[in-house]
């Protein structure tokens, strides 16, 4: 799909879309609740990641976070690192790297 210029343009635009689509709530034992309209899930965080916010923290989940997470989780793409639970400055730097990576593909 990245061979299509329109697809790359769409993904790059989505990586800059700050629209809120849900929330992240940090729970005990390195779990995070991901809440979006009509659905919610809980996932386990990397216990060794020092960038994990403290328990009780609530953060916005944005369109750009969802796209970057999907790219990072793909086993075949080898995209730059990104985690939706990183603090805003870290996510911002990672999103800039991800956008540059998309444009270079």
PDB file of N, CA and C in Angstrom:
ATOM      1  N   UNK A   1       0.800  -1.203   0.000  1.00  0.00           N
ATOM      2  CA  UNK A   1       0.000   0.000   0.000  1.00  0.00           C
ATOM      3  C   UNK A   1       0.850   1.279   0.000  1.00  0.00           C
ATOM      4  N   UNK A   2       2.028   1.206   0.607  1.00  0.00           N
ATOM      5  CA  UNK A   2       2.863   2.406   0.674  1.00  0.00           C
ATOM      6  C   UNK A   2       3.401   2.807  -0.698  1.00  0.00           C
ATOM      7  N   UNK A   3       3.239   1.960  -1.696  1.00  0.00           N
ATOM      8  CA  UNK A   3       3.637   2.326  -3.052  1.00  0.00           C
ATOM      9  C   UNK A   3       2.671   3.351  -3.650  1.00  0.00           C
ATOM     10  N   UNK A   4       1.487   3.461  -3.067  1.00  0.00           N
ATOM     11  CA  UNK A   4       0.487   4.414  -3.549  1.00  0.00           C
ATOM     12  C   UNK A   4       0.668   5.764  -2.852  1.00  0.00           C
ATOM     13  N   UNK A   5       0.909   6.791  -3.627  1.00  0.00           N
ATOM     14  CA  UNK A   5       1.130   8.128  -3.068  1.00  0.00           C
ATOM     15  C   UNK A   5      -0.060   8.607  -2.238  1.00  0.00           C
ATOM     16  N   UNK A   6      -1.265   8.310  -2.682  1.00  0.00           N
ATOM     17  CA  UNK A   6      -2.457   8.744  -1.947  1.00  0.00           C
ATOM     18  C   UNK A   6      -2.535   8.068  -0.574  1.00  0.00           C
ATOM     19  N   UNK A   7      -2.124   6.818  -0.492  1.00  0.00           N
ATOM     20  CA  UNK A   7      -2.132   6.111   0.790  1.00  0.00           C
ATOM     21  C   UNK A   7      -1.113   6.730   1.743  1.00  0.00           C
ATOM     22  N   UNK A   8       0.097   6.970   1.241  1.00  0.00           N
ATOM     23  CA  UNK A   8       1.127   7.602   2.074  1.00  0.00           C
ATOM     24  C   UNK A   8       0.665   8.972   2.555  1.00  0.00           C
ATOM     25  N   UNK A   9       0.018   9.732   1.691  1.00  0.00           N
ATOM     26  CA  UNK A   9      -0.470  11.055   2.062  1.00  0.00           C
ATOM     27  C   UNK A   9      -1.532  10.937   3.159  1.00  0.00           C
ATOM     28  N   UNK A  10      -2.425   9.966   3.032  1.00  0.00           N
ATOM     29  CA  UNK A  10      -3.467   9.747   4.035  1.00  0.00           C
ATOM     30  C   UNK A  10      -2.855   9.383   5.389  1.00  0.00           C
ATOM     31  N   UNK A  11      -1.910   8.453   5.404  1.00  0.00           N
ATOM     32  CA  UNK A  11      -1.290   8.015   6.653  1.00  0.00           C
ATOM     33  C   UNK A  11      -0.506   9.168   7.288  1.00  0.00           C
ATOM     34  N   UNK A  12       0.244   9.909   6.497  1.00  0.00           N
ATOM     35  CA  UNK A  12       1.005  11.053   7.028  1.00  0.00           C
ATOM     36  C   UNK A  12       0.062  12.090   7.642  1.00  0.00           C
ATOM     37  N   UNK A  13      -1.073  12.328   6.996  1.00  0.00           N
ATOM     38  CA  UNK A  13      -2.050  13.276   7.544  1.00  0.00           C
ATOM     39  C   UNK A  13      -2.638  12.753   8.853  1.00  0.00           C
ATOM     40  N   UNK A  14      -2.935  11.466   8.909  1.00  0.00           N
ATOM     41  CA  UNK A  14      -3.492  10.870  10.128  1.00  0.00           C
ATOM     42  C   UNK A  14      -2.491  10.932  11.278  1.00  0.00           C
ATOM     43  N   UNK A  15      -1.203  10.856  10.965  1.00  0.00           N
ATOM     44  CA  UNK A  15      -0.172  10.930  12.004  1.00  0.00           C
ATOM     45  C   UNK A  15      -0.042  12.332  12.599  1.00  0.00           C
ATOM     46  N   UNK A  16      -0.684  13.305  11.987  1.00  0.00           N
ATOM     47  CA  UNK A  16      -0.684  14.658  12.550  1.00  0.00           C
ATOM     48  C   UNK A  16      -2.067  15.045  13.105  1.00  0.00           C
ATOM     49  N   UNK A  17      -3.018  14.133  13.024  1.00  0.00           N
ATOM     50  CA  UNK A  17      -4.387  14.405  13.471  1.00  0.00           C
ATOM     51  C   UNK A  17      -4.480  14.240  14.992  1.00  0.00           C
ATOM     52  N   UNK A  18      -4.653  15.344  15.696  1.00  0.00           N
ATOM     53  CA  UNK A  18      -4.694  15.365  17.162  1.00  0.00           C
ATOM     54  C   UNK A  18      -6.111  15.182  17.727  1.00  0.00           C
ATOM     55  N   UNK A  19      -7.059  14.827  16.886  1.00  0.00           N
ATOM     56  CA  UNK A  19      -8.435  14.655  17.332  1.00  0.00           C
ATOM     57  C   UNK A  19      -8.527  13.557  18.388  1.00  0.00           C
ATOM     58  N   UNK A  20      -9.180  13.869  19.503  1.00  0.00           N
ATOM     59  CA  UNK A  20      -9.356  12.899  20.578  1.00  0.00           C
ATOM     60  C   UNK A  20     -10.385  11.852  20.167  1.00  0.00           C
ATOM     61  N   UNK A  21     -10.029  10.575  20.335  1.00  0.00           N
ATOM     62  CA  UNK A  21     -10.951   9.480  20.012  1.00  0.00           C
ATOM     63  C   UNK A  21     -11.205   8.574  21.214  1.00  0.00           C
ATOM     64  N   UNK A  22     -10.584   8.887  22.337  1.00  0.00           N
ATOM     65  CA  UNK A  22     -10.784   8.079  23.530  1.00  0.00           C
ATOM     66  C   UNK A  22      -9.852   8.508  24.636  1.00  0.00           C
ATOM     67  N   UNK A  23      -9.731   7.641  25.642  1.00  0.00           N
ATOM     68  CA  UNK A  23      -8.848   7.922  26.769  1.00  0.00           C
ATOM     69  C   UNK A  23      -8.047   6.681  27.144  1.00  0.00           C
ATOM     70  N   UNK A  24      -6.945   6.931  27.810  1.00  0.00           N
ATOM     71  CA  UNK A  24      -6.111   5.885  28.402  1.00  0.00           C
ATOM     72  C   UNK A  24      -6.115   6.126  29.902  1.00  0.00           C
ATOM     73  N   UNK A  25      -6.426   5.093  30.673  1.00  0.00           N
ATOM     74  CA  UNK A  25      -6.402   5.212  32.131  1.00  0.00           C
ATOM     75  C   UNK A  25      -5.450   4.150  32.667  1.00  0.00           C
ATOM     76  N   UNK A  26      -4.459   4.596  33.422  1.00  0.00           N
ATOM     77  CA  UNK A  26      -3.415   3.699  33.914  1.00  0.00           C
ATOM     78  C   UNK A  26      -3.848   3.060  35.224  1.00  0.00           C
ATOM     79  N   UNK A  27      -3.925   1.745  35.200  1.00  0.00           N
ATOM     80  CA  UNK A  27      -4.440   0.931  36.293  1.00  0.00           C
ATOM     81  C   UNK A  27      -3.298   0.264  37.053  1.00  0.00           C
ATOM     82  N   UNK A  28      -3.610  -0.392  38.176  1.00  0.00           N
ATOM     83  CA  UNK A  28      -2.571  -1.126  38.911  1.00  0.00           C
ATOM     84  C   UNK A  28      -1.966  -2.261  38.075  1.00  0.00           C
ATOM     85  N   UNK A  29      -0.807  -2.700  38.485  1.00  0.00           N
ATOM     86  CA  UNK A  29      -0.103  -3.851  37.895  1.00  0.00           C
ATOM     87  C   UNK A  29       0.195  -3.687  36.402  1.00  0.00           C
ATOM     88  N   UNK A  30       0.619  -2.472  36.021  1.00  0.00           N
ATOM     89  CA  UNK A  30       1.060  -2.206  34.648  1.00  0.00           C
ATOM     90  C   UNK A  30      -0.022  -2.485  33.603  1.00  0.00           C
ATOM     91  N   UNK A  31      -1.269  -2.199  33.931  1.00  0.00           N
ATOM     92  CA  UNK A  31      -2.366  -2.327  32.974  1.00  0.00           C
ATOM     93  C   UNK A  31      -2.866  -0.946  32.592  1.00  0.00           C
ATOM     94  N   UNK A  32      -3.395  -0.844  31.383  1.00  0.00           N
ATOM     95  CA  UNK A  32      -4.009   0.408  30.925  1.00  0.00           C
ATOM     96  C   UNK A  32      -5.350   0.077  30.287  1.00  0.00           C
ATOM     97  N   UNK A  33      -6.350   0.875  30.648  1.00  0.00           N
ATOM     98  CA  UNK A  33      -7.672   0.740  30.052  1.00  0.00           C
ATOM     99  C   UNK A  33      -7.759   1.703  28.879  1.00  0.00           C
ATOM    100  N   UNK A  34      -8.044   1.176  27.703  1.00  0.00           N
ATOM    101  CA  UNK A  34      -8.199   1.975  26.494  1.00  0.00           C
ATOM    102  C   UNK A  34      -9.694   2.083  26.225  1.00  0.00           C
ATOM    103  N   UNK A  35     -10.228   3.299  26.350  1.00  0.00           N
ATOM    104  CA  UNK A  35     -11.668   3.521  26.174  1.00  0.00           C
ATOM    105  C   UNK A  35     -11.918   4.363  24.946  1.00  0.00           C
ATOM    106  N   UNK A  36     -12.784   3.840  24.079  1.00  0.00           N
ATOM    107  CA  UNK A  36     -13.252   4.568  22.901  1.00  0.00           C
ATOM    108  C   UNK A  36     -14.765   4.441  22.858  1.00  0.00           C
ATOM    109  N   UNK A  37     -15.435   5.296  22.111  1.00  0.00           N
ATOM    110  CA  UNK A  37     -16.894   5.161  22.030  1.00  0.00           C
ATOM    111  C   UNK A  37     -17.293   3.740  21.609  1.00  0.00           C
ATOM    112  N   UNK A  38     -18.193   3.179  22.347  1.00  0.00           N
ATOM    113  CA  UNK A  38     -18.755   1.846  22.092  1.00  0.00           C
ATOM    114  C   UNK A  38     -17.792   0.694  22.315  1.00  0.00           C
ATOM    115  N   UNK A  39     -16.580   0.964  22.854  1.00  0.00           N
ATOM    116  CA  UNK A  39     -15.705  -0.166  23.158  1.00  0.00           C
ATOM    117  C   UNK A  39     -14.608   0.241  24.129  1.00  0.00           C
ATOM    118  N   UNK A  40     -14.211  -0.743  24.901  1.00  0.00           N
ATOM    119  CA  UNK A  40     -13.174  -0.526  25.900  1.00  0.00           C
ATOM    120  C   UNK A  40     -12.383  -1.821  26.020  1.00  0.00           C
ATOM    121  N   UNK A  41     -11.102  -1.692  26.286  1.00  0.00           N
ATOM    122  CA  UNK A  41     -10.270  -2.883  26.466  1.00  0.00           C
ATOM    123  C   UNK A  41      -9.174  -2.559  27.474  1.00  0.00           C
ATOM    124  N   UNK A  42      -8.603  -3.594  28.017  1.00  0.00           N
ATOM    125  CA  UNK A  42      -7.480  -3.440  28.934  1.00  0.00           C
ATOM    126  C   UNK A  42      -6.297  -4.176  28.353  1.00  0.00           C
ATOM    127  N   UNK A  43      -5.152  -3.553  28.412  1.00  0.00           N
ATOM    128  CA  UNK A  43      -3.943  -4.177  27.893  1.00  0.00           C
ATOM    129  C   UNK A  43      -2.824  -4.034  28.913  1.00  0.00           C
ATOM    130  N   UNK A  44      -1.867  -4.924  28.823  1.00  0.00           N
ATOM    131  CA  UNK A  44      -0.723  -4.917  29.732  1.00  0.00           C
ATOM    132  C   UNK A  44       0.383  -4.082  29.106  1.00  0.00           C
ATOM    133  N   UNK A  45       1.044  -3.279  29.937  1.00  0.00           N
ATOM    134  CA  UNK A  45       2.146  -2.442  29.487  1.00  0.00           C
ATOM    135  C   UNK A  45       3.472  -3.152  29.669  1.00  0.00           C
ATOM    136  N   UNK A  46       4.479  -2.658  29.005  1.00  0.00           N
ATOM    137  CA  UNK A  46       5.838  -3.173  29.170  1.00  0.00           C
ATOM    138  C   UNK A  46       6.325  -2.766  30.560  1.00  0.00           C
ATOM    139  N   UNK A  47       6.519  -3.728  31.470  1.00  0.00           N
ATOM    140  CA  UNK A  47       6.913  -3.366  32.834  1.00  0.00           C
ATOM    141  C   UNK A  47       8.299  -2.726  32.923  1.00  0.00           C
ATOM    142  N   UNK A  48       9.115  -2.888  31.899  1.00  0.00           N
ATOM    143  CA  UNK A  48      10.454  -2.319  31.915  1.00  0.00           C
ATOM    144  C   UNK A  48      10.557  -0.944  31.286  1.00  0.00           C
ATOM    145  N   UNK A  49       9.447  -0.413  30.780  1.00  0.00           N
ATOM    146  CA  UNK A  49       9.488   0.881  30.096  1.00  0.00           C
ATOM    147  C   UNK A  49       9.416   2.013  31.121  1.00  0.00           C
ATOM    148  N   UNK A  50      10.483   2.797  31.259  1.00  0.00           N
ATOM    149  CA  UNK A  50      10.473   3.886  32.238  1.00  0.00           C
ATOM    150  C   UNK A  50       9.546   5.039  31.844  1.00  0.00           C
ATOM    151  N   UNK A  51       9.025   5.013  30.630  1.00  0.00           N
ATOM    152  CA  UNK A  51       8.143   6.093  30.166  1.00  0.00           C
ATOM    153  C   UNK A  51       6.682   5.873  30.554  1.00  0.00           C
ATOM    154  N   UNK A  52       6.389   4.770  31.249  1.00  0.00           N
ATOM    155  CA  UNK A  52       5.020   4.485  31.662  1.00  0.00           C
ATOM    156  C   UNK A  52       4.569   5.483  32.724  1.00  0.00           C
ATOM    157  N   UNK A  53       3.456   6.171  32.500  1.00  0.00           N
ATOM    158  CA  UNK A  53       2.949   7.109  33.503  1.00  0.00           C
ATOM    159  C   UNK A  53       2.509   6.388  34.777  1.00  0.00           C
ATOM    160  N   UNK A  54       2.424   7.101  35.877  1.00  0.00           N
ATOM    161  CA  UNK A  54       2.015   6.470  37.127  1.00  0.00           C
ATOM    162  C   UNK A  54       0.545   6.045  37.120  1.00  0.00           C
ATOM    163  N   UNK A  55       0.246   5.080  37.960  1.00  0.00           N
ATOM    164  CA  UNK A  55      -1.121   4.607  38.145  1.00  0.00           C
ATOM    165  C   UNK A  55      -2.040   5.787  38.441  1.00  0.00           C
ATOM    166  N   UNK A  56      -3.232   5.755  37.842  1.00  0.00           N
ATOM    167  CA  UNK A  56      -4.206   6.827  38.045  1.00  0.00           C
ATOM    168  C   UNK A  56      -4.168   7.903  36.983  1.00  0.00           C
ATOM    169  N   UNK A  57      -3.104   7.949  36.199  1.00  0.00           N
ATOM    170  CA  UNK A  57      -2.989   8.941  35.123  1.00  0.00           C
ATOM    171  C   UNK A  57      -4.047   8.667  34.061  1.00  0.00           C
ATOM    172  N   UNK A  58      -4.664   9.713  33.561  1.00  0.00           N
ATOM    173  CA  UNK A  58      -5.614   9.612  32.446  1.00  0.00           C
ATOM    174  C   UNK A  58      -5.099  10.505  31.327  1.00  0.00           C
ATOM    175  N   UNK A  59      -5.012   9.953  30.129  1.00  0.00           N
ATOM    176  CA  UNK A  59      -4.493  10.681  28.968  1.00  0.00           C
ATOM    177  C   UNK A  59      -5.474  10.558  27.808  1.00  0.00           C
ATOM    178  N   UNK A  60      -5.432  11.533  26.904  1.00  0.00           N
ATOM    179  CA  UNK A  60      -6.225  11.452  25.680  1.00  0.00           C
ATOM    180  C   UNK A  60      -5.606  10.442  24.726  1.00  0.00           C
ATOM    181  N   UNK A  61      -6.467   9.703  24.046  1.00  0.00           N
ATOM    182  CA  UNK A  61      -6.071   8.857  22.924  1.00  0.00           C
ATOM    183  C   UNK A  61      -6.502   9.590  21.674  1.00  0.00           C
ATOM    184  N   UNK A  62      -5.565   9.820  20.761  1.00  0.00           N
ATOM    185  CA  UNK A  62      -5.820  10.629  19.568  1.00  0.00           C
ATOM    186  C   UNK A  62      -5.725   9.771  18.311  1.00  0.00           C
ATOM    187  N   UNK A  63      -6.244  10.289  17.216  1.00  0.00           N
ATOM    188  CA  UNK A  63      -6.165   9.596  15.925  1.00  0.00           C
ATOM    189  C   UNK A  63      -4.712   9.236  15.604  1.00  0.00           C
ATOM    190  N   UNK A  64      -3.803  10.188  15.784  1.00  0.00           N
ATOM    191  CA  UNK A  64      -2.393   9.945  15.463  1.00  0.00           C
ATOM    192  C   UNK A  64      -1.817   8.796  16.289  1.00  0.00           C
ATOM    193  N   UNK A  65      -2.243   8.661  17.547  1.00  0.00           N
ATOM    194  CA  UNK A  65      -1.770   7.571  18.393  1.00  0.00           C
ATOM    195  C   UNK A  65      -2.235   6.213  17.868  1.00  0.00           C
ATOM    196  N   UNK A  66      -3.475   6.156  17.419  1.00  0.00           N
ATOM    197  CA  UNK A  66      -4.033   4.900  16.904  1.00  0.00           C
ATOM    198  C   UNK A  66      -3.285   4.472  15.634  1.00  0.00           C
ATOM    199  N   UNK A  67      -3.050   5.400  14.730  1.00  0.00           N
ATOM    200  CA  UNK A  67      -2.330   5.074  13.492  1.00  0.00           C
ATOM    201  C   UNK A  67      -0.895   4.650  13.779  1.00  0.00           C
ATOM    202  N   UNK A  68      -0.200   5.411  14.614  1.00  0.00           N
ATOM    203  CA  UNK A  68       1.199   5.084  14.918  1.00  0.00           C
ATOM    204  C   UNK A  68       1.318   3.731  15.606  1.00  0.00           C
ATOM    205  N   UNK A  69       0.380   3.433  16.492  1.00  0.00           N
ATOM    206  CA  UNK A  69       0.394   2.130  17.166  1.00  0.00           C
ATOM    207  C   UNK A  69       0.198   1.004  16.162  1.00  0.00           C
ATOM    208  N   UNK A  70      -0.732   1.177  15.241  1.00  0.00           N
ATOM    209  CA  UNK A  70      -0.973   0.146  14.224  1.00  0.00           C
ATOM    210  C   UNK A  70       0.271  -0.082  13.358  1.00  0.00           C
ATOM    211  N   UNK A  71       0.946   0.997  12.979  1.00  0.00           N
ATOM    212  CA  UNK A  71       2.160   0.849  12.173  1.00  0.00           C
ATOM    213  C   UNK A  71       3.264   0.145  12.959  1.00  0.00           C
ATOM    214  N   UNK A  72       3.414   0.515  14.227  1.00  0.00           N
ATOM    215  CA  UNK A  72       4.460  -0.077  15.062  1.00  0.00           C
ATOM    216  C   UNK A  72       4.198  -1.560  15.316  1.00  0.00           C
ATOM    217  N   UNK A  73       2.934  -1.928  15.473  1.00  0.00           N
ATOM    218  CA  UNK A  73       2.591  -3.319  15.786  1.00  0.00           C
ATOM    219  C   UNK A  73       2.684  -4.246  14.587  1.00  0.00           C
ATOM    220  N   UNK A  74       2.764  -3.691  13.378  1.00  0.00           N
ATOM    221  CA  UNK A  74       2.910  -4.524  12.188  1.00  0.00           C
ATOM    222  C   UNK A  74       4.279  -5.190  12.193  1.00  0.00           C
ATOM    223  N   UNK A  75       4.289  -6.489  12.053  1.00  0.00           N
ATOM    224  CA  UNK A  75       5.548  -7.248  12.070  1.00  0.00           C
ATOM    225  C   UNK A  75       6.347  -7.071  10.774  1.00  0.00           C
ATOM    226  N   UNK A  76       5.684  -6.756   9.687  1.00  0.00           N
ATOM    227  CA  UNK A  76       6.366  -6.673   8.398  1.00  0.00           C
ATOM    228  C   UNK A  76       6.899  -5.286   8.050  1.00  0.00           C
ATOM    229  N   UNK A  77       6.368  -4.242   8.659  1.00  0.00           N
ATOM    230  CA  UNK A  77       6.745  -2.883   8.266  1.00  0.00           C
ATOM    231  C   UNK A  77       8.054  -2.391   8.872  1.00  0.00           C
ATOM    232  N   UNK A  78       8.398  -2.851  10.046  1.00  0.00           N
ATOM    233  CA  UNK A  78       9.595  -2.390  10.761  1.00  0.00           C
ATOM    234  C   UNK A  78       9.575  -0.867  10.932  1.00  0.00           C
ATOM    235  N   UNK A  79       8.444  -0.384  11.425  1.00  0.00           N
ATOM    236  CA  UNK A  79       8.257   1.045  11.660  1.00  0.00           C
ATOM    237  C   UNK A  79       9.033   1.486  12.896  1.00  0.00           C
ATOM    238  N   UNK A  80       9.266   2.782  13.033  1.00  0.00           N
ATOM    239  CA  UNK A  80       9.920   3.298  14.237  1.00  0.00           C
ATOM    240  C   UNK A  80       9.103   2.978  15.488  1.00  0.00           C
ATOM    241  N   UNK A  81       9.753   3.009  16.630  1.00  0.00           N
ATOM    242  CA  UNK A  81       9.087   2.715  17.902  1.00  0.00           C
ATOM    243  C   UNK A  81       8.069   3.793  18.259  1.00  0.00           C
ATOM    244  N   UNK A  82       6.967   3.344  18.860  1.00  0.00           N
ATOM    245  CA  UNK A  82       5.931   4.245  19.344  1.00  0.00           C
ATOM    246  C   UNK A  82       5.065   3.490  20.339  1.00  0.00           C
ATOM    247  N   UNK A  83       4.665   4.162  21.406  1.00  0.00           N
ATOM    248  CA  UNK A  83       3.681   3.612  22.337  1.00  0.00           C
ATOM    249  C   UNK A  83       2.689   4.701  22.687  1.00  0.00           C
ATOM    250  N   UNK A  84       1.413   4.369  22.591  1.00  0.00           N
ATOM    251  CA  UNK A  84       0.367   5.358  22.838  1.00  0.00           C
ATOM    252  C   UNK A  84       0.383   5.878  24.266  1.00  0.00           C
ATOM    253  N   UNK A  85       1.026   5.177  25.174  1.00  0.00           N
ATOM    254  CA  UNK A  85       1.030   5.601  26.573  1.00  0.00           C
ATOM    255  C   UNK A  85       2.218   6.479  26.951  1.00  0.00           C
ATOM    256  N   UNK A  86       3.122   6.734  26.026  1.00  0.00           N
ATOM    257  CA  UNK A  86       4.216   7.650  26.346  1.00  0.00           C
ATOM    258  C   UNK A  86       3.644   9.040  26.595  1.00  0.00           C
ATOM    259  N   UNK A  87       4.364   9.820  27.363  1.00  0.00           N
ATOM    260  CA  UNK A  87       3.942  11.206  27.623  1.00  0.00           C
ATOM    261  C   UNK A  87       3.996  12.015  26.326  1.00  0.00           C
ATOM    262  N   UNK A  88       3.271  13.109  26.320  1.00  0.00           N
ATOM    263  CA  UNK A  88       3.099  13.933  25.112  1.00  0.00           C
ATOM    264  C   UNK A  88       4.405  14.285  24.388  1.00  0.00           C
ATOM    265  N   UNK A  89       5.450  14.785  25.062  1.00  0.00           N
ATOM    266  CA  UNK A  89       6.677  15.135  24.325  1.00  0.00           C
ATOM    267  C   UNK A  89       7.326  13.925  23.646  1.00  0.00           C
ATOM    268  N   UNK A  90       7.301  12.781  24.310  1.00  0.00           N
ATOM    269  CA  UNK A  90       7.890  11.569  23.723  1.00  0.00           C
ATOM    270  C   UNK A  90       7.077  11.082  22.531  1.00  0.00           C
ATOM    271  N   UNK A  91       5.751  11.151  22.666  1.00  0.00           N
ATOM    272  CA  UNK A  91       4.898  10.769  21.533  1.00  0.00           C
ATOM    273  C   UNK A  91       5.103  11.732  20.373  1.00  0.00           C
ATOM    274  N   UNK A  92       5.248  13.016  20.666  1.00  0.00           N
ATOM    275  CA  UNK A  92       5.471  14.007  19.613  1.00  0.00           C
ATOM    276  C   UNK A  92       6.733  13.726  18.816  1.00  0.00           C
ATOM    277  N   UNK A  93       7.818  13.428  19.525  1.00  0.00           N
ATOM    278  CA  UNK A  93       9.076  13.101  18.824  1.00  0.00           C
ATOM    279  C   UNK A  93       8.929  11.822  17.995  1.00  0.00           C
ATOM    280  N   UNK A  94       8.280  10.821  18.577  1.00  0.00           N
ATOM    281  CA  UNK A  94       8.093   9.553  17.863  1.00  0.00           C
ATOM    282  C   UNK A  94       7.184   9.727  16.643  1.00  0.00           C
ATOM    283  N   UNK A  95       6.148  10.565  16.768  1.00  0.00           N
ATOM    284  CA  UNK A  95       5.263  10.817  15.630  1.00  0.00           C
ATOM    285  C   UNK A  95       5.999  11.528  14.501  1.00  0.00           C
ATOM    286  N   UNK A  96       6.894  12.444  14.834  1.00  0.00           N
ATOM    287  CA  UNK A  96       7.692  13.119  13.799  1.00  0.00           C
ATOM    288  C   UNK A  96       8.568  12.107  13.065  1.00  0.00           C
ATOM    289  N   UNK A  97       9.177  11.194  13.810  1.00  0.00           N
ATOM    290  CA  UNK A  97       9.999  10.146  13.182  1.00  0.00           C
ATOM    291  C   UNK A  97       9.136   9.234  12.318  1.00  0.00           C
ATOM    292  N   UNK A  98       7.965   8.887  12.811  1.00  0.00           N
ATOM    293  CA  UNK A  98       7.057   8.002  12.073  1.00  0.00           C
ATOM    294  C   UNK A  98       6.602   8.672  10.784  1.00  0.00           C
ATOM    295  N   UNK A  99       6.280   9.953  10.854  1.00  0.00           N
ATOM    296  CA  UNK A  99       5.838  10.673   9.656  1.00  0.00           C
ATOM    297  C   UNK A  99       6.963  10.737   8.617  1.00  0.00           C
ATOM    298  N   UNK A 100       8.167  11.018   9.045  1.00  0.00           N
ATOM    299  CA  UNK A 100       9.312  11.033   8.122  1.00  0.00           C
ATOM    300  C   UNK A 100       9.515   9.652   7.512  1.00  0.00           C
ATOM    301  N   UNK A 101       9.362   8.612   8.319  1.00  0.00           N
ATOM    302  CA  UNK A 101       9.518   7.228   7.828  1.00  0.00           C
ATOM    303  C   UNK A 101       8.462   6.917   6.761  1.00  0.00           C
ATOM    304  N   UNK A 102       7.205   7.326   7.014  1.00  0.00           N
ATOM    305  CA  UNK A 102       6.126   7.081   6.043  1.00  0.00           C
ATOM    306  C   UNK A 102       6.434   7.790   4.731  1.00  0.00           C
ATOM    307  N   UNK A 103       6.839   9.042   4.804  1.00  0.00           N
ATOM    308  CA  UNK A 103       7.113   9.817   3.584  1.00  0.00           C
ATOM    309  C   UNK A 103       8.294   9.259   2.789  1.00  0.00           C
ATOM    310  N   UNK A 104       9.227   8.610   3.464  1.00  0.00           N
ATOM    311  CA  UNK A 104      10.420   8.072   2.801  1.00  0.00           C
ATOM    312  C   UNK A 104      10.174   6.687   2.175  1.00  0.00           C
ATOM    313  N   UNK A 105       9.065   6.080   2.487  1.00  0.00           N
ATOM    314  CA  UNK A 105       8.794   4.716   1.973  1.00  0.00           C
ATOM    315  C   UNK A 105       8.417   4.750   0.519  1.00  0.00           C
TER     316      UNK A 105
END
